[in-house]
Amino acid sequence: MRWPHKHILDIDQFSLSEIRHIFSTAEKFWEVNSRQVKKVPVLKGKSVVLFFAEPSTRTKISFDMAGKRLSADTFSLSSSSSSLTKGESLGDTALTLRAMNPDAIVLRHSQSGAAQYLSSILDISVINAGDGWHAHPTQALLDAFTLSRRWNGFKDKKILYVGDIAHSRVARSGISIFSRLGAEVRVCAPRTLLPYSPSALPAALYSDLESACSGVDAIVCLRMQLERQTSGLFPGLREYAANFRLNREHLELAAPKALVLHPGPMNRGVEIDSELADSGESVILDQVASGVAVRMALLYILLAGSKPEGTL
């Protein structure tokens, strides 16, 4: 298909056919990643800057590995090692990087809208790897891809997000993609950890975790975004865990063969019981593997141009 997007900023920019194209391309790279030699030459000569102005393990390493397995050159920059620490603006830092002539910049930033801003001042591809509370499109894609490999479509499926919905870009992007794919989405959280206008979410709201888990096909546990919260939103982590930590009893209320997801990093014993995180129902490590395949697909789609698929 003809790819119409120069940037990847928000899950809402994609049509359903484009999402399916990403999945079908990611499936090819899933196969590549299962080979003994996990490298293809499709992006040889391309360069990708990983500009992570906010801490990250999974997303950063995933993009780095994705670029390298496509034979692109990747260069990493963090906030602490950049001139941002000397007072340089995000825009000036981005323009400096642009002058070095990379083909794409992958940006993670604590401010919502940072990726959109860079896309407005740069003439190269910008990929949003998470911006503030706003969006995390590649996480939504990899979560949906993970479940699509287990399920034959999303119709009649019920997916529950549990935890800090208000401060979670993962939840915003995930709720959007799953509802558009045809799933019924639920959210469960303390009222203080829901958005200011929760009725605007395309999701059913629950305050009781047992009721929320009833009959669902997948449960996504969210990390408490303590770095984005103000004090007083809930009494403490012990009280939160007593009411909203996912455990085996909750999963037994779900549909048969229900799956458990977590975008990481996990706080075991707070958002999820350790036993459940390591159980057969958990697809948390599958999410990590999906992340490499999906990000390979996105870099390939954006940067490969007219290269034939036969080179895969």
C-alpha atoms as a PDB file:
ATOM      1  CA  MET A   1       0.000   0.000   0.000  1.00  0.00           C
ATOM      2  CA  ARG A   2       1.039   3.618  -0.485  1.00  0.00           C
ATOM      3  CA  TRP A   3       2.056   4.933   2.937  1.00  0.00           C
ATOM      4  CA  PRO A   4       0.739   8.487   3.442  1.00  0.00           C
ATOM      5  CA  HIS A   5       2.425   9.421   6.744  1.00  0.00           C
ATOM      6  CA  LYS A   6       5.807  11.071   7.176  1.00  0.00           C
ATOM      7  CA  HIS A   7       5.653  10.970  10.966  1.00  0.00           C
ATOM      8  CA  ILE A   8       4.285   8.660  13.664  1.00  0.00           C
ATOM      9  CA  LEU A   9       2.796  10.897  16.328  1.00  0.00           C
ATOM     10  CA  ASP A  10      -0.484   9.429  17.588  1.00  0.00           C
ATOM     11  CA  ILE A  11      -2.430   6.223  17.083  1.00  0.00           C
ATOM     12  CA  ASP A  12      -5.446   8.211  15.875  1.00  0.00           C
ATOM     13  CA  GLN A  13      -3.624   9.207  12.675  1.00  0.00           C
ATOM     14  CA  PHE A  14      -3.866   5.655  11.300  1.00  0.00           C
ATOM     15  CA  SER A  15      -6.773   4.081   9.446  1.00  0.00           C
ATOM     16  CA  LEU A  16      -7.715   0.490  10.224  1.00  0.00           C
ATOM     17  CA  SER A  17      -6.172  -0.661   6.948  1.00  0.00           C
ATOM     18  CA  GLU A  18      -2.910   1.085   7.881  1.00  0.00           C
ATOM     19  CA  ILE A  19      -2.897  -0.598  11.295  1.00  0.00           C
ATOM     20  CA  ARG A  20      -3.390  -3.965   9.617  1.00  0.00           C
ATOM     21  CA  HIS A  21      -0.562  -3.157   7.188  1.00  0.00           C
ATOM     22  CA  ILE A  22       1.723  -2.444  10.150  1.00  0.00           C
ATOM     23  CA  PHE A  23       0.730  -5.773  11.697  1.00  0.00           C
ATOM     24  CA  SER A  24       1.342  -7.751   8.509  1.00  0.00           C
ATOM     25  CA  THR A  25       4.750  -6.107   8.107  1.00  0.00           C
ATOM     26  CA  ALA A  26       5.583  -6.750  11.764  1.00  0.00           C
ATOM     27  CA  GLU A  27       4.700 -10.416  11.251  1.00  0.00           C
ATOM     28  CA  LYS A  28       7.421 -10.639   8.600  1.00  0.00           C
ATOM     29  CA  PHE A  29       9.927  -9.141  11.008  1.00  0.00           C
ATOM     30  CA  TRP A  30       8.780 -11.486  13.772  1.00  0.00           C
ATOM     31  CA  GLU A  31       9.967 -14.265  11.476  1.00  0.00           C
ATOM     32  CA  VAL A  32      13.253 -12.404  10.845  1.00  0.00           C
ATOM     33  CA  ASN A  33      13.797 -12.132  14.593  1.00  0.00           C
ATOM     34  CA  SER A  34      13.397 -15.901  14.971  1.00  0.00           C
ATOM     35  CA  ARG A  35      16.261 -16.622  12.558  1.00  0.00           C
ATOM     36  CA  GLN A  36      19.784 -17.447  13.620  1.00  0.00           C
ATOM     37  CA  VAL A  37      21.001 -14.330  11.785  1.00  0.00           C
ATOM     38  CA  LYS A  38      18.567 -11.579  12.726  1.00  0.00           C
ATOM     39  CA  LYS A  39      19.632  -8.901  10.276  1.00  0.00           C
ATOM     40  CA  VAL A  40      18.349  -7.698   6.904  1.00  0.00           C
ATOM     41  CA  PRO A  41      19.887  -4.977   4.693  1.00  0.00           C
ATOM     42  CA  VAL A  42      16.740  -2.977   3.943  1.00  0.00           C
ATOM     43  CA  LEU A  43      17.840   0.226   5.731  1.00  0.00           C
ATOM     44  CA  LYS A  44      21.543   0.067   4.995  1.00  0.00           C
ATOM     45  CA  GLY A  45      22.836   3.637   4.708  1.00  0.00           C
ATOM     46  CA  LYS A  46      19.969   5.114   6.750  1.00  0.00           C
ATOM     47  CA  SER A  47      20.565   6.745  10.131  1.00  0.00           C
ATOM     48  CA  VAL A  48      18.197   7.054  13.081  1.00  0.00           C
ATOM     49  CA  VAL A  49      18.704   9.289  16.126  1.00  0.00           C
ATOM     50  CA  LEU A  50      17.230   8.012  19.386  1.00  0.00           C
ATOM     51  CA  PHE A  51      16.585  11.215  21.350  1.00  0.00           C
ATOM     52  CA  PHE A  52      15.356  10.111  24.771  1.00  0.00           C
ATOM     53  CA  ALA A  53      14.904  13.122  27.019  1.00  0.00           C
ATOM     54  CA  GLU A  54      13.119  10.895  29.552  1.00  0.00           C
ATOM     55  CA  PRO A  55      14.307   7.574  31.045  1.00  0.00           C
ATOM     56  CA  SER A  56      13.502   4.385  29.156  1.00  0.00           C
ATOM     57  CA  THR A  57      14.725   0.807  28.980  1.00  0.00           C
ATOM     58  CA  ARG A  58      12.333  -1.227  26.808  1.00  0.00           C
ATOM     59  CA  THR A  59      11.378   1.403  24.256  1.00  0.00           C
ATOM     60  CA  LYS A  60      14.897   2.740  23.754  1.00  0.00           C
ATOM     61  CA  ILE A  61      16.610  -0.642  23.460  1.00  0.00           C
ATOM     62  CA  SER A  62      13.755  -1.895  21.287  1.00  0.00           C
ATOM     63  CA  PHE A  63      14.142   0.955  18.793  1.00  0.00           C
ATOM     64  CA  ASP A  64      17.926   0.597  18.866  1.00  0.00           C
ATOM     65  CA  MET A  65      17.715  -3.125  18.178  1.00  0.00           C
ATOM     66  CA  ALA A  66      15.055  -2.573  15.506  1.00  0.00           C
ATOM     67  CA  GLY A  67      17.239  -0.093  13.643  1.00  0.00           C
ATOM     68  CA  LYS A  68      20.344  -2.248  13.847  1.00  0.00           C
ATOM     69  CA  ARG A  69      18.527  -5.390  12.682  1.00  0.00           C
ATOM     70  CA  LEU A  70      17.401  -3.422   9.625  1.00  0.00           C
ATOM     71  CA  SER A  71      21.068  -2.428   9.063  1.00  0.00           C
ATOM     72  CA  ALA A  72      20.468   1.240   9.874  1.00  0.00           C
ATOM     73  CA  ASP A  73      22.961   3.244  11.909  1.00  0.00           C
ATOM     74  CA  THR A  74      21.483   4.311  15.261  1.00  0.00           C
ATOM     75  CA  PHE A  75      22.769   7.083  17.514  1.00  0.00           C
ATOM     76  CA  SER A  76      21.540   7.593  21.078  1.00  0.00           C
ATOM     77  CA  LEU A  77      21.131  10.875  22.925  1.00  0.00           C
ATOM     78  CA  SER A  78      19.720  11.375  26.397  1.00  0.00           C
ATOM     79  CA  SER A  79      18.686  14.548  28.164  1.00  0.00           C
ATOM     80  CA  SER A  80      21.518  14.266  30.678  1.00  0.00           C
ATOM     81  CA  SER A  81      24.149  13.994  27.945  1.00  0.00           C
ATOM     82  CA  SER A  82      22.739  16.734  25.709  1.00  0.00           C
ATOM     83  CA  SER A  83      22.917  20.512  25.748  1.00  0.00           C
ATOM     84  CA  LEU A  84      19.413  20.564  27.220  1.00  0.00           C
ATOM     85  CA  THR A  85      21.200  20.481  30.566  1.00  0.00           C
ATOM     86  CA  LYS A  86      22.899  23.763  29.611  1.00  0.00           C
ATOM     87  CA  GLY A  87      19.660  25.518  28.832  1.00  0.00           C
ATOM     88  CA  GLU A  88      19.394  24.817  25.109  1.00  0.00           C
ATOM     89  CA  SER A  89      15.812  24.536  23.896  1.00  0.00           C
ATOM     90  CA  LEU A  90      14.315  21.337  22.519  1.00  0.00           C
ATOM     91  CA  GLY A  91      13.882  23.035  19.136  1.00  0.00           C
ATOM     92  CA  ASP A  92      17.518  24.148  18.899  1.00  0.00           C
ATOM     93  CA  THR A  93      18.736  20.705  19.931  1.00  0.00           C
ATOM     94  CA  ALA A  94      16.531  19.121  17.253  1.00  0.00           C
ATOM     95  CA  LEU A  95      17.744  21.542  14.567  1.00  0.00           C
ATOM     96  CA  THR A  96      21.344  20.754  15.535  1.00  0.00           C
ATOM     97  CA  LEU A  97      20.643  17.057  15.114  1.00  0.00           C
ATOM     98  CA  ARG A  98      18.885  17.733  11.804  1.00  0.00           C
ATOM     99  CA  ALA A  99      21.990  19.489  10.478  1.00  0.00           C
ATOM    100  CA  MET A 100      23.810  16.168  10.826  1.00  0.00           C
ATOM    101  CA  ASN A 101      21.390  14.775   8.205  1.00  0.00           C
ATOM    102  CA  PRO A 102      19.758  11.753   9.888  1.00  0.00           C
ATOM    103  CA  ASP A 103      16.756  10.132   8.249  1.00  0.00           C
ATOM    104  CA  ALA A 104      14.562   9.963  11.369  1.00  0.00           C
ATOM    105  CA  ILE A 105      14.421  11.043  14.987  1.00  0.00           C
ATOM    106  CA  VAL A 106      12.764   8.882  17.627  1.00  0.00           C
ATOM    107  CA  LEU A 107      11.741  11.161  20.491  1.00  0.00           C
ATOM    108  CA  ARG A 108      10.692  10.485  24.059  1.00  0.00           C
ATOM    109  CA  HIS A 109       9.940  13.584  26.106  1.00  0.00           C
ATOM    110  CA  SER A 110       8.169  14.474  29.337  1.00  0.00           C
ATOM    111  CA  GLN A 111       6.138  17.252  27.692  1.00  0.00           C
ATOM    112  CA  SER A 112       2.935  16.406  25.838  1.00  0.00           C
ATOM    113  CA  GLY A 113       3.109  17.615  22.248  1.00  0.00           C
ATOM    114  CA  ALA A 114       6.917  17.496  22.009  1.00  0.00           C
ATOM    115  CA  ALA A 115       6.898  15.098  19.050  1.00  0.00           C
ATOM    116  CA  GLN A 116       4.240  17.132  17.256  1.00  0.00           C
ATOM    117  CA  TYR A 117       6.372  20.243  17.752  1.00  0.00           C
ATOM    118  CA  LEU A 118       9.471  18.604  16.271  1.00  0.00           C
ATOM    119  CA  SER A 119       7.466  17.380  13.288  1.00  0.00           C
ATOM    120  CA  SER A 120       6.452  20.988  12.598  1.00  0.00           C
ATOM    121  CA  ILE A 121      10.034  22.291  12.456  1.00  0.00           C
ATOM    122  CA  LEU A 122      11.897  19.338  10.912  1.00  0.00           C
ATOM    123  CA  ASP A 123      11.726  17.954   7.398  1.00  0.00           C
ATOM    124  CA  ILE A 124      12.663  14.416   8.462  1.00  0.00           C
ATOM    125  CA  SER A 125      10.512  11.695  10.004  1.00  0.00           C
ATOM    126  CA  VAL A 126       9.696  12.025  13.714  1.00  0.00           C
ATOM    127  CA  ILE A 127       8.522   9.008  15.696  1.00  0.00           C
ATOM    128  CA  ASN A 128       6.815   9.607  19.011  1.00  0.00           C
ATOM    129  CA  ALA A 129       8.216   7.197  21.604  1.00  0.00           C
ATOM    130  CA  GLY A 130       6.053   8.698  24.340  1.00  0.00           C
ATOM    131  CA  ASP A 131       5.249  12.351  25.093  1.00  0.00           C
ATOM    132  CA  GLY A 132       4.129  13.311  28.570  1.00  0.00           C
ATOM    133  CA  TRP A 133       0.610  12.125  29.397  1.00  0.00           C
ATOM    134  CA  HIS A 134      -0.418  12.385  25.761  1.00  0.00           C
ATOM    135  CA  ALA A 135       0.407   9.389  23.567  1.00  0.00           C
ATOM    136  CA  HIS A 136       2.561   6.304  23.096  1.00  0.00           C
ATOM    137  CA  PRO A 137       1.534   5.038  19.655  1.00  0.00           C
ATOM    138  CA  THR A 138       4.177   2.347  19.257  1.00  0.00           C
ATOM    139  CA  GLN A 139       3.225   0.799  22.616  1.00  0.00           C
ATOM    140  CA  ALA A 140      -0.421   0.661  21.540  1.00  0.00           C
ATOM    141  CA  LEU A 141       0.577  -0.982  18.266  1.00  0.00           C
ATOM    142  CA  LEU A 142       2.775  -3.600  19.923  1.00  0.00           C
ATOM    143  CA  ASP A 143       0.116  -4.413  22.531  1.00  0.00           C
ATOM    144  CA  ALA A 144      -2.510  -4.857  19.839  1.00  0.00           C
ATOM    145  CA  PHE A 145      -0.087  -6.866  17.695  1.00  0.00           C
ATOM    146  CA  THR A 146       0.654  -9.134  20.674  1.00  0.00           C
ATOM    147  CA  LEU A 147      -3.044  -9.937  21.094  1.00  0.00           C
ATOM    148  CA  SER A 148      -3.683 -10.178  17.349  1.00  0.00           C
ATOM    149  CA  ARG A 149      -1.200 -13.076  17.207  1.00  0.00           C
ATOM    150  CA  ARG A 150      -3.297 -14.912  19.830  1.00  0.00           C
ATOM    151  CA  TRP A 151      -6.787 -13.986  18.665  1.00  0.00           C
ATOM    152  CA  ASN A 152      -8.694 -14.174  15.421  1.00  0.00           C
ATOM    153  CA  GLY A 153      -9.775 -10.533  15.488  1.00  0.00           C
ATOM    154  CA  PHE A 154     -11.027  -8.232  18.240  1.00  0.00           C
ATOM    155  CA  LYS A 155     -14.779  -8.419  17.719  1.00  0.00           C
ATOM    156  CA  ASP A 156     -16.589  -9.400  20.949  1.00  0.00           C
ATOM    157  CA  LYS A 157     -13.326  -9.193  22.921  1.00  0.00           C
ATOM    158  CA  LYS A 158     -13.254  -7.310  26.219  1.00  0.00           C
ATOM    159  CA  ILE A 159     -10.060  -5.560  27.329  1.00  0.00           C
ATOM    160  CA  LEU A 160      -9.538  -4.002  30.759  1.00  0.00           C
ATOM    161  CA  TYR A 161      -7.012  -1.314  31.741  1.00  0.00           C
ATOM    162  CA  VAL A 162      -6.290  -1.187  35.478  1.00  0.00           C
ATOM    163  CA  GLY A 163      -4.368   1.532  37.267  1.00  0.00           C
ATOM    164  CA  ASP A 164      -3.262   5.097  36.749  1.00  0.00           C
ATOM    165  CA  ILE A 165      -5.380   6.000  33.743  1.00  0.00           C
ATOM    166  CA  ALA A 166      -5.138   9.771  34.237  1.00  0.00           C
ATOM    167  CA  HIS A 167      -1.367  10.029  33.799  1.00  0.00           C
ATOM    168  CA  SER A 168      -0.879   7.155  31.342  1.00  0.00           C
ATOM    169  CA  ARG A 169      -0.077   7.780  27.691  1.00  0.00           C
ATOM    170  CA  VAL A 170      -0.092   3.982  27.327  1.00  0.00           C
ATOM    171  CA  ALA A 171      -3.742   3.881  28.374  1.00  0.00           C
ATOM    172  CA  ARG A 172      -4.778   6.737  26.095  1.00  0.00           C
ATOM    173  CA  SER A 173      -3.233   5.205  23.004  1.00  0.00           C
ATOM    174  CA  GLY A 174      -4.250   1.662  23.948  1.00  0.00           C
ATOM    175  CA  ILE A 175      -7.888   2.498  24.617  1.00  0.00           C
ATOM    176  CA  SER A 176      -7.994   4.246  21.253  1.00  0.00           C
ATOM    177  CA  ILE A 177      -6.555   1.395  19.184  1.00  0.00           C
ATOM    178  CA  PHE A 178      -8.541  -1.385  20.855  1.00  0.00           C
ATOM    179  CA  SER A 179     -11.857   0.426  20.626  1.00  0.00           C
ATOM    180  CA  ARG A 180     -11.216   1.147  16.940  1.00  0.00           C
ATOM    181  CA  LEU A 181     -10.323  -2.497  16.322  1.00  0.00           C
ATOM    182  CA  GLY A 182     -13.754  -3.456  17.633  1.00  0.00           C
ATOM    183  CA  ALA A 183     -13.052  -4.506  21.215  1.00  0.00           C
ATOM    184  CA  GLU A 184     -15.055  -3.441  24.236  1.00  0.00           C
ATOM    185  CA  VAL A 185     -12.711  -1.503  26.527  1.00  0.00           C
ATOM    186  CA  ARG A 186     -13.043  -1.085  30.286  1.00  0.00           C
ATOM    187  CA  VAL A 187     -10.996   0.975  32.731  1.00  0.00           C
ATOM    188  CA  CYS A 188     -10.712   0.514  36.474  1.00  0.00           C
ATOM    189  CA  ALA A 189      -8.995   2.949  38.819  1.00  0.00           C
ATOM    190  CA  PRO A 190      -9.527   5.110  41.883  1.00  0.00           C
ATOM    191  CA  ARG A 191     -11.591   8.151  40.905  1.00  0.00           C
ATOM    192  CA  THR A 192      -8.578  10.388  41.526  1.00  0.00           C
ATOM    193  CA  LEU A 193      -6.598   8.437  38.915  1.00  0.00           C
ATOM    194  CA  LEU A 194      -9.166   8.846  36.153  1.00  0.00           C
ATOM    195  CA  PRO A 195      -9.039  11.735  33.658  1.00  0.00           C
ATOM    196  CA  TYR A 196     -10.846  14.960  34.505  1.00  0.00           C
ATOM    197  CA  SER A 197     -13.585  13.995  32.026  1.00  0.00           C
ATOM    198  CA  PRO A 198     -13.595  10.181  32.113  1.00  0.00           C
ATOM    199  CA  SER A 199     -16.856  10.025  30.156  1.00  0.00           C
ATOM    200  CA  ALA A 200     -14.887  11.248  27.133  1.00  0.00           C
ATOM    201  CA  LEU A 201     -12.999   7.934  27.009  1.00  0.00           C
ATOM    202  CA  PRO A 202     -14.401   5.272  24.655  1.00  0.00           C
ATOM    203  CA  ALA A 203     -14.467   2.888  27.614  1.00  0.00           C
ATOM    204  CA  ALA A 204     -16.736   1.690  30.403  1.00  0.00           C
ATOM    205  CA  LEU A 205     -15.723   2.924  33.857  1.00  0.00           C
ATOM    206  CA  TYR A 206     -15.370   0.679  36.916  1.00  0.00           C
ATOM    207  CA  SER A 207     -14.271   1.405  40.472  1.00  0.00           C
ATOM    208  CA  ASP A 208     -14.366  -2.202  41.700  1.00  0.00           C
ATOM    209  CA  LEU A 209     -11.697  -4.516  40.301  1.00  0.00           C
ATOM    210  CA  GLU A 210     -13.681  -7.713  40.745  1.00  0.00           C
ATOM    211  CA  SER A 211     -16.590  -6.362  38.729  1.00  0.00           C
ATOM    212  CA  ALA A 212     -14.231  -4.944  36.099  1.00  0.00           C
ATOM    213  CA  CYS A 213     -12.519  -8.318  35.600  1.00  0.00           C
ATOM    214  CA  SER A 214     -15.746 -10.232  35.062  1.00  0.00           C
ATOM    215  CA  GLY A 215     -15.701 -11.866  31.625  1.00  0.00           C
ATOM    216  CA  VAL A 216     -12.769  -9.901  30.167  1.00  0.00           C
ATOM    217  CA  ASP A 217     -10.384 -11.464  27.646  1.00  0.00           C
ATOM    218  CA  ALA A 218      -7.290  -9.415  28.475  1.00  0.00           C
ATOM    219  CA  ILE A 219      -6.163  -7.251  31.381  1.00  0.00           C
ATOM    220  CA  VAL A 220      -3.540  -4.537  31.007  1.00  0.00           C
ATOM    221  CA  CYS A 221      -1.945  -3.514  34.300  1.00  0.00           C
ATOM    222  CA  LEU A 222      -0.497   0.002  34.383  1.00  0.00           C
ATOM    223  CA  ARG A 223       2.429   1.315  36.391  1.00  0.00           C
ATOM    224  CA  MET A 224       1.727   4.028  38.921  1.00  0.00           C
ATOM    225  CA  GLN A 225       3.047   7.209  37.261  1.00  0.00           C
ATOM    226  CA  LEU A 226       4.378   8.683  40.495  1.00  0.00           C
ATOM    227  CA  GLU A 227       6.686  11.076  38.634  1.00  0.00           C
ATOM    228  CA  ARG A 228       3.651  12.714  36.981  1.00  0.00           C
ATOM    229  CA  GLN A 229       1.355  12.823  39.989  1.00  0.00           C
ATOM    230  CA  THR A 230       0.745  15.421  42.631  1.00  0.00           C
ATOM    231  CA  SER A 231       0.542  14.241  46.239  1.00  0.00           C
ATOM    232  CA  GLY A 232      -2.728  13.214  47.813  1.00  0.00           C
ATOM    233  CA  LEU A 233      -4.284  11.362  44.870  1.00  0.00           C
ATOM    234  CA  PHE A 234      -4.452   8.155  46.931  1.00  0.00           C
ATOM    235  CA  PRO A 235      -3.474   7.258  50.512  1.00  0.00           C
ATOM    236  CA  GLY A 236      -0.396   5.209  49.598  1.00  0.00           C
ATOM    237  CA  LEU A 237       0.922   2.281  47.585  1.00  0.00           C
ATOM    238  CA  ARG A 238      -0.155  -0.218  50.248  1.00  0.00           C
ATOM    239  CA  GLU A 239      -3.742   0.990  50.091  1.00  0.00           C
ATOM    240  CA  TYR A 240      -3.654   1.095  46.304  1.00  0.00           C
ATOM    241  CA  ALA A 241      -2.334  -2.473  46.113  1.00  0.00           C
ATOM    242  CA  ALA A 242      -4.999  -3.715  48.515  1.00  0.00           C
ATOM    243  CA  ASN A 243      -7.742  -2.615  46.112  1.00  0.00           C
ATOM    244  CA  PHE A 244      -6.243  -2.571  42.611  1.00  0.00           C
ATOM    245  CA  ARG A 245      -3.399  -5.120  42.500  1.00  0.00           C
ATOM    246  CA  LEU A 246      -4.230  -7.857  40.006  1.00  0.00           C
ATOM    247  CA  ASN A 247      -4.046 -11.375  41.447  1.00  0.00           C
ATOM    248  CA  ARG A 248      -5.068 -14.933  40.618  1.00  0.00           C
ATOM    249  CA  GLU A 249      -8.530 -14.520  42.142  1.00  0.00           C
ATOM    250  CA  HIS A 250      -9.250 -11.609  39.805  1.00  0.00           C
ATOM    251  CA  LEU A 251      -8.104 -13.568  36.772  1.00  0.00           C
ATOM    252  CA  GLU A 252     -10.419 -16.439  37.667  1.00  0.00           C
ATOM    253  CA  LEU A 253     -13.330 -14.021  37.196  1.00  0.00           C
ATOM    254  CA  ALA A 254     -12.204 -13.277  33.638  1.00  0.00           C
ATOM    255  CA  ALA A 255     -13.056 -15.226  30.504  1.00  0.00           C
ATOM    256  CA  PRO A 256     -11.362 -18.599  29.912  1.00  0.00           C
ATOM    257  CA  LYS A 257      -7.826 -18.200  28.543  1.00  0.00           C
ATOM    258  CA  ALA A 258      -7.728 -14.516  29.499  1.00  0.00           C
ATOM    259  CA  LEU A 259      -4.327 -12.883  29.032  1.00  0.00           C
ATOM    260  CA  VAL A 260      -2.345 -10.488  31.226  1.00  0.00           C
ATOM    261  CA  LEU A 261      -0.283  -7.587  29.874  1.00  0.00           C
ATOM    262  CA  HIS A 262       1.937  -4.905  31.404  1.00  0.00           C
ATOM    263  CA  PRO A 263       3.881  -2.231  29.469  1.00  0.00           C
ATOM    264  CA  GLY A 264       6.645  -2.153  32.093  1.00  0.00           C
ATOM    265  CA  PRO A 265       8.453  -1.401  34.177  1.00  0.00           C
ATOM    266  CA  MET A 266       6.539  -3.545  36.655  1.00  0.00           C
ATOM    267  CA  ASN A 267       6.237  -2.861  40.345  1.00  0.00           C
ATOM    268  CA  ARG A 268       5.593  -6.401  41.519  1.00  0.00           C
ATOM    269  CA  GLY A 269       3.234  -6.553  44.453  1.00  0.00           C
ATOM    270  CA  VAL A 270       1.791  -3.114  43.660  1.00  0.00           C
ATOM    271  CA  GLU A 271       0.113  -3.380  40.243  1.00  0.00           C
ATOM    272  CA  ILE A 272       0.349  -7.142  39.819  1.00  0.00           C
ATOM    273  CA  ASP A 273       1.152 -10.213  41.875  1.00  0.00           C
ATOM    274  CA  SER A 274       4.519 -11.678  41.013  1.00  0.00           C
ATOM    275  CA  GLU A 275       3.006 -15.137  40.497  1.00  0.00           C
ATOM    276  CA  LEU A 276       0.622 -13.765  37.890  1.00  0.00           C
ATOM    277  CA  ALA A 277       3.339 -11.805  36.093  1.00  0.00           C
ATOM    278  CA  ASP A 278       5.285 -15.040  35.598  1.00  0.00           C
ATOM    279  CA  SER A 279       2.283 -17.251  34.851  1.00  0.00           C
ATOM    280  CA  GLY A 280       1.243 -18.962  31.646  1.00  0.00           C
ATOM    281  CA  GLU A 281      -1.470 -16.337  31.159  1.00  0.00           C
ATOM    282  CA  SER A 282       1.111 -13.552  31.064  1.00  0.00           C
ATOM    283  CA  VAL A 283       2.186 -12.239  27.656  1.00  0.00           C
ATOM    284  CA  ILE A 284       4.437  -9.550  29.124  1.00  0.00           C
ATOM    285  CA  LEU A 285       7.588 -10.929  27.511  1.00  0.00           C
ATOM    286  CA  ASP A 286       5.682 -11.416  24.261  1.00  0.00           C
ATOM    287  CA  GLN A 287       5.010  -7.670  24.383  1.00  0.00           C
ATOM    288  CA  VAL A 288       8.751  -7.033  24.532  1.00  0.00           C
ATOM    289  CA  ALA A 289       9.370  -9.284  21.521  1.00  0.00           C
ATOM    290  CA  SER A 290       6.469  -7.647  19.674  1.00  0.00           C
ATOM    291  CA  GLY A 291       8.014  -4.260  20.363  1.00  0.00           C
ATOM    292  CA  VAL A 292      11.105  -5.083  18.306  1.00  0.00           C
ATOM    293  CA  ALA A 293       9.045  -6.482  15.404  1.00  0.00           C
ATOM    294  CA  VAL A 294       6.574  -3.577  15.357  1.00  0.00           C
ATOM    295  CA  ARG A 295       9.295  -0.932  15.553  1.00  0.00           C
ATOM    296  CA  MET A 296      11.207  -2.685  12.775  1.00  0.00           C
ATOM    297  CA  ALA A 297       8.013  -2.540  10.724  1.00  0.00           C
ATOM    298  CA  LEU A 298       7.512   1.177  11.384  1.00  0.00           C
ATOM    299  CA  LEU A 299      11.099   2.113  10.538  1.00  0.00           C
ATOM    300  CA  TYR A 300      10.902  -0.020   7.400  1.00  0.00           C
ATOM    301  CA  ILE A 301       7.594   1.495   6.274  1.00  0.00           C
ATOM    302  CA  LEU A 302       8.803   5.055   6.879  1.00  0.00           C
ATOM    303  CA  LEU A 303      12.341   4.803   5.513  1.00  0.00           C
ATOM    304  CA  ALA A 304      12.625   1.912   3.060  1.00  0.00           C
ATOM    305  CA  GLY A 305      10.831   3.724   0.258  1.00  0.00           C
ATOM    306  CA  SER A 306      10.478   1.493  -2.797  1.00  0.00           C
ATOM    307  CA  LYS A 307      12.783  -1.282  -1.635  1.00  0.00           C
ATOM    308  CA  PRO A 308      11.266  -4.652  -2.599  1.00  0.00           C
ATOM    309  CA  GLU A 309       9.852  -6.878   0.135  1.00  0.00           C
ATOM    310  CA  GLY A 310      11.955  -9.695  -1.281  1.00  0.00           C
ATOM    311  CA  THR A 311      14.970  -8.242   0.519  1.00  0.00           C
ATOM    312  CA  LEU A 312      13.421  -9.369   3.796  1.00  0.00           C
END
